C-alpha atoms as a PDB file:
ATOM      1  CA  MET A   1      11.179 -60.132   3.765  1.00  0.00           C
ATOM      2  CA  ARG A   2      10.166 -63.818   3.665  1.00  0.00           C
ATOM      3  CA  GLY A   3      10.671 -63.944   7.411  1.00  0.00           C
ATOM      4  CA  LEU A   4       8.316 -61.053   7.861  1.00  0.00           C
ATOM      5  CA  GLN A   5       5.774 -62.719   5.607  1.00  0.00           C
ATOM      6  CA  ALA A   6       5.970 -65.952   7.585  1.00  0.00           C
ATOM      7  CA  ALA A   7       5.676 -64.109  10.880  1.00  0.00           C
ATOM      8  CA  GLY A   8       2.583 -62.328   9.645  1.00  0.00           C
ATOM      9  CA  GLY A   9       0.981 -65.615   8.673  1.00  0.00           C
ATOM     10  CA  ALA A  10       0.241 -64.487   5.105  1.00  0.00           C
ATOM     11  CA  PRO A  11       2.306 -63.540   2.092  1.00  0.00           C
ATOM     12  CA  LEU A  12       2.673 -59.873   1.183  1.00  0.00           C
ATOM     13  CA  THR A  13       1.005 -59.904  -2.213  1.00  0.00           C
ATOM     14  CA  GLY A  14       1.458 -57.370  -5.002  1.00  0.00           C
ATOM     15  CA  GLY A  15      -1.937 -55.804  -4.208  1.00  0.00           C
ATOM     16  CA  ALA A  16      -1.006 -55.293  -0.583  1.00  0.00           C
ATOM     17  CA  ALA A  17       2.285 -53.724  -1.574  1.00  0.00           C
ATOM     18  CA  ASP A  18       0.465 -51.375  -3.937  1.00  0.00           C
ATOM     19  CA  GLY A  19      -1.881 -50.416  -1.110  1.00  0.00           C
ATOM     20  CA  VAL A  20       1.033 -49.573   1.153  1.00  0.00           C
ATOM     21  CA  GLY A  21       2.635 -47.490  -1.591  1.00  0.00           C
ATOM     22  CA  GLU A  22      -0.586 -45.616  -2.251  1.00  0.00           C
ATOM     23  CA  GLY A  23      -0.973 -44.938   1.466  1.00  0.00           C
ATOM     24  CA  ILE A  24       2.520 -43.460   1.689  1.00  0.00           C
ATOM     25  CA  ALA A  25       1.937 -41.347  -1.426  1.00  0.00           C
ATOM     26  CA  GLY A  26      -1.372 -40.135  -0.066  1.00  0.00           C
ATOM     27  CA  ALA A  27       0.210 -39.170   3.240  1.00  0.00           C
ATOM     28  CA  GLY A  28       2.892 -37.224   1.394  1.00  0.00           C
ATOM     29  CA  ALA A  29       0.297 -35.389  -0.681  1.00  0.00           C
ATOM     30  CA  ASP A  30      -1.653 -34.512   2.454  1.00  0.00           C
ATOM     31  CA  ALA A  31       1.503 -33.152   4.068  1.00  0.00           C
ATOM     32  CA  VAL A  32       2.201 -30.968   1.030  1.00  0.00           C
ATOM     33  CA  ALA A  33      -1.384 -29.748   1.019  1.00  0.00           C
ATOM     34  CA  ASP A  34      -1.183 -28.950   4.725  1.00  0.00           C
ATOM     35  CA  GLY A  35       2.006 -27.002   4.114  1.00  0.00           C
ATOM     36  CA  GLY A  36       0.334 -24.982   1.360  1.00  0.00           C
ATOM     37  CA  GLY A  37      -2.618 -24.324   3.609  1.00  0.00           C
ATOM     38  CA  ALA A  38      -0.338 -23.154   6.392  1.00  0.00           C
ATOM     39  CA  GLU A  39       1.422 -20.794   4.004  1.00  0.00           C
ATOM     40  CA  GLY A  40      -1.913 -19.433   2.813  1.00  0.00           C
ATOM     41  CA  SER A  41      -3.102 -18.983   6.383  1.00  0.00           C
ATOM     42  CA  ARG A  42       0.037 -16.987   7.169  1.00  0.00           C
ATOM     43  CA  ALA A  43      -0.629 -14.701   4.186  1.00  0.00           C
ATOM     44  CA  VAL A  44      -4.069 -13.728   5.492  1.00  0.00           C
ATOM     45  CA  PRO A  45      -2.859 -12.430   8.901  1.00  0.00           C
ATOM     46  CA  ARG A  46      -0.057 -10.562   7.127  1.00  0.00           C
ATOM     47  CA  ARG A  47      -2.566  -8.742   4.934  1.00  0.00           C
ATOM     48  CA  ALA A  48      -4.739  -8.076   7.976  1.00  0.00           C
ATOM     49  CA  ARG A  49      -1.783  -6.549   9.832  1.00  0.00           C
ATOM     50  CA  ARG A  50      -0.926  -4.302   6.900  1.00  0.00           C
ATOM     51  CA  LEU A  51      -4.543  -3.167   6.626  1.00  0.00           C
ATOM     52  CA  ALA A  52      -4.531  -2.448  10.354  1.00  0.00           C
ATOM     53  CA  VAL A  53      -1.458  -0.222   9.914  1.00  0.00           C
ATOM     54  CA  LEU A  54      -3.108   1.607   7.005  1.00  0.00           C
ATOM     55  CA  ALA A  55      -6.374   2.129   8.881  1.00  0.00           C
ATOM     56  CA  THR A  56      -4.688   3.201  12.120  1.00  0.00           C
ATOM     57  CA  LEU A  57      -2.443   5.745  10.423  1.00  0.00           C
ATOM     58  CA  ALA A  58      -5.338   7.092   8.344  1.00  0.00           C
ATOM     59  CA  VAL A  59      -7.457   7.553  11.478  1.00  0.00           C
ATOM     60  CA  VAL A  60      -4.579   9.286  13.303  1.00  0.00           C
ATOM     61  CA  VAL A  61      -3.932  11.689  10.415  1.00  0.00           C
ATOM     62  CA  TYR A  62      -7.641  12.362   9.932  1.00  0.00           C
ATOM     63  CA  GLY A  63      -8.238  12.955  13.634  1.00  0.00           C
ATOM     64  CA  LEU A  64      -5.180  15.181  14.000  1.00  0.00           C
ATOM     65  CA  ASP A  65      -6.232  17.221  10.975  1.00  0.00           C
ATOM     66  CA  LEU A  66      -9.751  17.793  12.304  1.00  0.00           C
ATOM     67  CA  LEU A  67      -8.486  18.548  15.813  1.00  0.00           C
ATOM     68  CA  THR A  68      -5.937  21.144  14.710  1.00  0.00           C
ATOM     69  CA  LYS A  69      -8.456  22.836  12.416  1.00  0.00           C
ATOM     70  CA  THR A  70     -10.984  23.038  15.239  1.00  0.00           C
ATOM     71  CA  ILE A  71      -8.403  24.541  17.602  1.00  0.00           C
ATOM     72  CA  VAL A  72      -7.158  27.207  15.194  1.00  0.00           C
ATOM     73  CA  LEU A  73     -10.693  28.204  14.209  1.00  0.00           C
ATOM     74  CA  ARG A  74     -11.580  28.781  17.849  1.00  0.00           C
ATOM     75  CA  THR A  75      -8.399  30.616  18.748  1.00  0.00           C
ATOM     76  CA  LEU A  76      -7.156  32.372  15.598  1.00  0.00           C
ATOM     77  CA  GLU A  77     -10.068  33.050  13.245  1.00  0.00           C
ATOM     78  CA  GLY A  78     -10.379  36.789  12.701  1.00  0.00           C
ATOM     79  CA  ARG A  79      -7.221  37.498  14.697  1.00  0.00           C
ATOM     80  CA  GLU A  80      -3.629  38.374  13.978  1.00  0.00           C
ATOM     81  CA  PRO A  81      -1.258  35.498  13.118  1.00  0.00           C
ATOM     82  CA  PHE A  82       0.351  33.675  16.012  1.00  0.00           C
ATOM     83  CA  VAL A  83       4.095  33.921  15.431  1.00  0.00           C
ATOM     84  CA  LEU A  84       5.931  30.873  16.695  1.00  0.00           C
ATOM     85  CA  ILE A  85       9.355  31.574  15.165  1.00  0.00           C
ATOM     86  CA  PRO A  86       9.817  35.056  13.647  1.00  0.00           C
ATOM     87  CA  ASP A  87      10.260  35.018   9.849  1.00  0.00           C
ATOM     88  CA  LEU A  88      10.168  31.215   9.901  1.00  0.00           C
ATOM     89  CA  LEU A  89       6.887  29.794  11.208  1.00  0.00           C
ATOM     90  CA  GLN A  90       3.535  31.251  12.170  1.00  0.00           C
ATOM     91  CA  PHE A  91      -0.125  30.186  12.348  1.00  0.00           C
ATOM     92  CA  ARG A  92      -2.970  32.076  10.693  1.00  0.00           C
ATOM     93  CA  VAL A  93      -6.362  30.965   9.412  1.00  0.00           C
ATOM     94  CA  ILE A  94      -7.251  31.116   5.730  1.00  0.00           C
ATOM     95  CA  PHE A  95     -10.057  29.392   3.823  1.00  0.00           C
ATOM     96  CA  ASN A  96      -8.704  27.708   0.717  1.00  0.00           C
ATOM     97  CA  ALA A  97     -11.012  27.046  -2.241  1.00  0.00           C
ATOM     98  CA  GLY A  98      -8.273  25.231  -4.175  1.00  0.00           C
ATOM     99  CA  ALA A  99      -6.100  22.174  -3.757  1.00  0.00           C
ATOM    100  CA  ALA A 100      -3.160  21.617  -1.439  1.00  0.00           C
ATOM    101  CA  PHE A 101      -1.070  24.746  -0.853  1.00  0.00           C
ATOM    102  CA  SER A 102      -3.842  26.945  -2.373  1.00  0.00           C
ATOM    103  CA  ILE A 103      -3.360  25.627  -5.910  1.00  0.00           C
ATOM    104  CA  GLY A 104      -6.243  26.101  -8.378  1.00  0.00           C
ATOM    105  CA  THR A 105      -8.615  28.166  -6.252  1.00  0.00           C
ATOM    106  CA  GLY A 106     -11.208  28.337  -9.046  1.00  0.00           C
ATOM    107  CA  MET A 107     -11.606  24.564  -9.408  1.00  0.00           C
ATOM    108  CA  THR A 108     -13.145  23.596  -6.071  1.00  0.00           C
ATOM    109  CA  ILE A 109     -15.700  21.112  -7.419  1.00  0.00           C
ATOM    110  CA  VAL A 110     -13.084  19.440  -9.615  1.00  0.00           C
ATOM    111  CA  PHE A 111     -10.766  18.949  -6.652  1.00  0.00           C
ATOM    112  CA  THR A 112     -13.637  17.577  -4.580  1.00  0.00           C
ATOM    113  CA  ILE A 113     -14.331  14.948  -7.233  1.00  0.00           C
ATOM    114  CA  ILE A 114     -10.624  14.144  -7.525  1.00  0.00           C
ATOM    115  CA  ALA A 115     -10.305  13.743  -3.750  1.00  0.00           C
ATOM    116  CA  SER A 116     -13.284  11.378  -3.737  1.00  0.00           C
ATOM    117  CA  GLY A 117     -11.685   9.360  -6.531  1.00  0.00           C
ATOM    118  CA  VAL A 118      -8.403   9.164  -4.622  1.00  0.00           C
ATOM    119  CA  VAL A 119     -10.171   7.765  -1.562  1.00  0.00           C
ATOM    120  CA  VAL A 120     -11.939   5.112  -3.653  1.00  0.00           C
ATOM    121  CA  ALA A 121      -8.708   4.213  -5.483  1.00  0.00           C
ATOM    122  CA  ILE A 122      -6.801   3.766  -2.207  1.00  0.00           C
ATOM    123  CA  LEU A 123      -9.519   1.531  -0.779  1.00  0.00           C
ATOM    124  CA  ARG A 124      -9.517  -0.623  -3.922  1.00  0.00           C
ATOM    125  CA  THR A 125      -5.720  -0.844  -3.972  1.00  0.00           C
ATOM    126  CA  ALA A 126      -5.683  -1.928  -0.329  1.00  0.00           C
ATOM    127  CA  ARG A 127      -7.310  -5.234  -1.297  1.00  0.00           C
ATOM    128  CA  ASN A 128      -3.896  -6.480  -2.481  1.00  0.00           C
ATOM    129  CA  LEU A 129      -1.879  -4.848   0.300  1.00  0.00           C
ATOM    130  CA  ARG A 130       0.976  -6.957   1.704  1.00  0.00           C
ATOM    131  CA  SER A 131       3.718  -4.320   2.041  1.00  0.00           C
ATOM    132  CA  LEU A 132       4.340  -2.398   5.268  1.00  0.00           C
ATOM    133  CA  PRO A 133       5.933   0.637   3.535  1.00  0.00           C
ATOM    134  CA  TRP A 134       2.957   0.833   1.197  1.00  0.00           C
ATOM    135  CA  ALA A 135       0.592   0.516   4.168  1.00  0.00           C
ATOM    136  CA  VAL A 136       2.232   3.614   5.683  1.00  0.00           C
ATOM    137  CA  THR A 137       2.130   5.430   2.339  1.00  0.00           C
ATOM    138  CA  LEU A 138      -1.530   4.706   1.679  1.00  0.00           C
ATOM    139  CA  GLY A 139      -2.460   5.470   5.288  1.00  0.00           C
ATOM    140  CA  LEU A 140      -0.927   8.941   5.045  1.00  0.00           C
ATOM    141  CA  MET A 141      -2.616   9.668   1.733  1.00  0.00           C
ATOM    142  CA  LEU A 142      -5.998   8.300   2.812  1.00  0.00           C
ATOM    143  CA  GLY A 143      -6.041  10.249   6.079  1.00  0.00           C
ATOM    144  CA  GLY A 144      -5.026  13.460   4.318  1.00  0.00           C
ATOM    145  CA  ALA A 145      -7.526  13.027   1.498  1.00  0.00           C
ATOM    146  CA  LEU A 146     -10.354  12.375   3.960  1.00  0.00           C
ATOM    147  CA  GLY A 147      -9.382  15.418   6.040  1.00  0.00           C
ATOM    148  CA  ASN A 148      -9.600  17.883   3.167  1.00  0.00           C
ATOM    149  CA  LEU A 149     -12.589  16.095   1.625  1.00  0.00           C
ATOM    150  CA  THR A 150     -14.510  16.587   4.866  1.00  0.00           C
ATOM    151  CA  ASP A 151     -13.951  20.344   4.599  1.00  0.00           C
ATOM    152  CA  ARG A 152     -15.120  20.404   0.984  1.00  0.00           C
ATOM    153  CA  LEU A 153     -18.290  18.506   1.802  1.00  0.00           C
ATOM    154  CA  PHE A 154     -19.343  20.180   5.045  1.00  0.00           C
ATOM    155  CA  ARG A 155     -17.832  23.670   5.269  1.00  0.00           C
ATOM    156  CA  ALA A 156     -19.216  26.850   3.705  1.00  0.00           C
ATOM    157  CA  PRO A 157     -20.286  27.591   1.065  1.00  0.00           C
ATOM    158  CA  GLY A 158     -21.257  23.907   0.652  1.00  0.00           C
ATOM    159  CA  GLY A 159     -22.387  22.091  -2.488  1.00  0.00           C
ATOM    160  CA  LEU A 160     -19.029  20.325  -2.973  1.00  0.00           C
ATOM    161  CA  GLN A 161     -17.413  23.777  -2.850  1.00  0.00           C
ATOM    162  CA  GLY A 162     -16.504  23.947   0.821  1.00  0.00           C
ATOM    163  CA  HIS A 163     -13.293  25.800   1.599  1.00  0.00           C
ATOM    164  CA  VAL A 164     -10.452  23.926   3.288  1.00  0.00           C
ATOM    165  CA  VAL A 165      -9.029  25.381   6.498  1.00  0.00           C
ATOM    166  CA  ASP A 166      -5.287  26.084   6.191  1.00  0.00           C
ATOM    167  CA  PHE A 167      -3.250  27.541   9.016  1.00  0.00           C
ATOM    168  CA  VAL A 168       0.452  26.574   8.918  1.00  0.00           C
ATOM    169  CA  GLU A 169       2.608  29.234   7.288  1.00  0.00           C
ATOM    170  CA  ALA A 170       6.298  28.501   6.898  1.00  0.00           C
ATOM    171  CA  PHE A 171       8.541  31.337   5.696  1.00  0.00           C
ATOM    172  CA  PRO A 172       5.670  33.866   5.781  1.00  0.00           C
ATOM    173  CA  GLY A 173       5.093  35.538   2.451  1.00  0.00           C
ATOM    174  CA  HIS A 174       7.245  33.042   0.574  1.00  0.00           C
ATOM    175  CA  PHE A 175       5.408  29.727   0.961  1.00  0.00           C
ATOM    176  CA  PRO A 176       1.713  28.747   0.667  1.00  0.00           C
ATOM    177  CA  VAL A 177      -0.295  28.175   3.834  1.00  0.00           C
ATOM    178  CA  PHE A 178      -1.128  24.502   4.444  1.00  0.00           C
ATOM    179  CA  ASN A 179      -2.543  22.077   7.016  1.00  0.00           C
ATOM    180  CA  VAL A 180      -1.916  18.624   8.485  1.00  0.00           C
ATOM    181  CA  ALA A 181      -3.818  16.881   5.682  1.00  0.00           C
ATOM    182  CA  ASP A 182      -1.700  18.597   3.026  1.00  0.00           C
ATOM    183  CA  SER A 183       1.487  17.522   4.785  1.00  0.00           C
ATOM    184  CA  ALA A 184       0.309  13.906   5.002  1.00  0.00           C
ATOM    185  CA  ILE A 185      -0.646  13.827   1.317  1.00  0.00           C
ATOM    186  CA  VAL A 186       2.708  15.257   0.246  1.00  0.00           C
ATOM    187  CA  CYS A 187       4.670  12.848   2.471  1.00  0.00           C
ATOM    188  CA  GLY A 188       2.617   9.930   1.157  1.00  0.00           C
ATOM    189  CA  GLY A 189       3.198  11.024  -2.421  1.00  0.00           C
ATOM    190  CA  ILE A 190       6.959  11.265  -1.891  1.00  0.00           C
ATOM    191  CA  LEU A 191       6.998   7.797  -0.317  1.00  0.00           C
ATOM    192  CA  ALA A 192       4.950   6.388  -3.207  1.00  0.00           C
ATOM    193  CA  VAL A 193       7.419   7.734  -5.767  1.00  0.00           C
ATOM    194  CA  PHE A 194      10.369   6.365  -3.782  1.00  0.00           C
ATOM    195  CA  LEU A 195       8.815   2.904  -3.368  1.00  0.00           C
ATOM    196  CA  ALA A 196       7.907   2.708  -7.048  1.00  0.00           C
ATOM    197  CA  TRP A 197      11.429   3.798  -7.997  1.00  0.00           C
ATOM    198  CA  ARG A 198      12.953   1.112  -5.761  1.00  0.00           C
ATOM    199  CA  GLY A 199      10.648  -1.545  -7.181  1.00  0.00           C
ATOM    200  CA  TYR A 200       8.572  -2.224  -4.063  1.00  0.00           C
ATOM    201  CA  GLN A 201       5.137  -3.563  -4.976  1.00  0.00           C
ATOM    202  CA  ILE A 202       1.805  -3.283  -3.147  1.00  0.00           C
ATOM    203  CA  ASP A 203       1.680  -7.067  -2.693  1.00  0.00           C
ATOM    204  CA  GLY A 204       4.997  -7.136  -0.819  1.00  0.00           C
ATOM    205  CA  THR A 205       7.170  -8.309  -3.708  1.00  0.00           C
ATOM    206  CA  ARG A 206      10.037  -6.348  -5.182  1.00  0.00           C
ATOM    207  CA  ASP A 207      10.878  -5.907  -8.840  1.00  0.00           C
ATOM    208  CA  THR A 208      14.626  -5.298  -9.017  1.00  0.00           C
ATOM    209  CA  GLY A 209      15.018  -5.982 -12.733  1.00  0.00           C
ATOM    210  CA  GLN A 210      17.204  -9.010 -11.974  1.00  0.00           C
ATOM    211  CA  ASN A 211      14.421 -11.410 -12.900  1.00  0.00           C
ATOM    212  CA  THR A 212      14.187  -9.916 -16.378  1.00  0.00           C
ATOM    213  CA  THR A 213      17.951 -10.126 -16.856  1.00  0.00           C
ATOM    214  CA  GLN A 214      18.047 -13.694 -15.559  1.00  0.00           C
ATOM    215  CA  ASN A 215      15.246 -14.781 -17.880  1.00  0.00           C
ATOM    216  CA  ALA A 216      16.994 -13.188 -20.850  1.00  0.00           C
ATOM    217  CA  THR A 217      20.267 -14.945 -19.970  1.00  0.00           C
ATOM    218  CA  GLU A 218      18.563 -18.309 -19.591  1.00  0.00           C
ATOM    219  CA  SER A 219      16.754 -17.834 -22.903  1.00  0.00           C
ATOM    220  CA  THR A 220      20.025 -16.998 -24.671  1.00  0.00           C
ATOM    221  CA  ALA A 221      21.781 -20.020 -23.156  1.00  0.00           C
ATOM    222  CA  LYS A 222      18.930 -22.312 -24.187  1.00  0.00           C
ATOM    223  CA  SER A 223      18.987 -20.930 -27.726  1.00  0.00           C
ATOM    224  CA  ASP A 224      22.765 -21.437 -27.960  1.00  0.00           C
ATOM    225  CA  ALA A 225      22.407 -25.008 -26.723  1.00  0.00           C
ATOM    226  CA  GLU A 226      19.731 -25.766 -29.305  1.00  0.00           C
ATOM    227  CA  ASN A 227      21.851 -24.270 -32.075  1.00  0.00           C
ATOM    228  CA  GLY A 228      24.793 -26.387 -30.962  1.00  0.00           C
ATOM    229  CA  THR A 229      22.690 -29.548 -31.046  1.00  0.00           C
ATOM    230  CA  GLU A 230      21.455 -28.751 -34.543  1.00  0.00           C
ATOM    231  CA  SER A 231      25.027 -28.164 -35.729  1.00  0.00           C
ATOM    232  CA  LYS A 232      26.128 -31.550 -34.425  1.00  0.00           C
ATOM    233  CA  SER A 233      23.163 -33.210 -36.123  1.00  0.00           C
ATOM    234  CA  ASP A 234      24.036 -31.559 -39.440  1.00  0.00           C
ATOM    235  CA  GLY A 235      27.640 -32.691 -39.056  1.00  0.00           C
END
């Protein structure tokens, strides 16, 4: 060290050493900050990708629902059912004043309000979206809700009481007639229940219950250690 001081032509004083130390510490802090910024910047594209999946799937479901309804209205309205598989699957047009699968036909306005609320709730929930499975789930539900809501708003008789076009009839006479939007809503609902049951969260985290158990174990161990210390002190 003295050799280095002599070569530099001046002694390395305490102030200079402190300056060097502060410079190193500052560089380390900047590196940590940069790392945090990089992690934050990665989180934004991830959310954007999940939102893109949700929006794309919702548009596909919505478009497919409107397209199929338009086709069946032009080809099957007022006609005999088109039998695809005898006693298993056929297509026929009905106008449903109720909810999915013709449930609650006397509550059209109520279901219109509920559908509007579902759309708003999905859009608000999507602000925290980081999970791909939840993006698929919400995309299915949003597309289906928008499909049936469009019918309620714009089809006869109007005034939030528009009738939804249903046309898919599985097991004729034994199962309610439904449409693409109904199928998407049901699939999304099943996925939502499964994801919640498995502990998958909207933000991409997963609650397995292990964290709660681990915290309880650590708390018990800490309490035992404190009790042991007190016993030794009393002794």
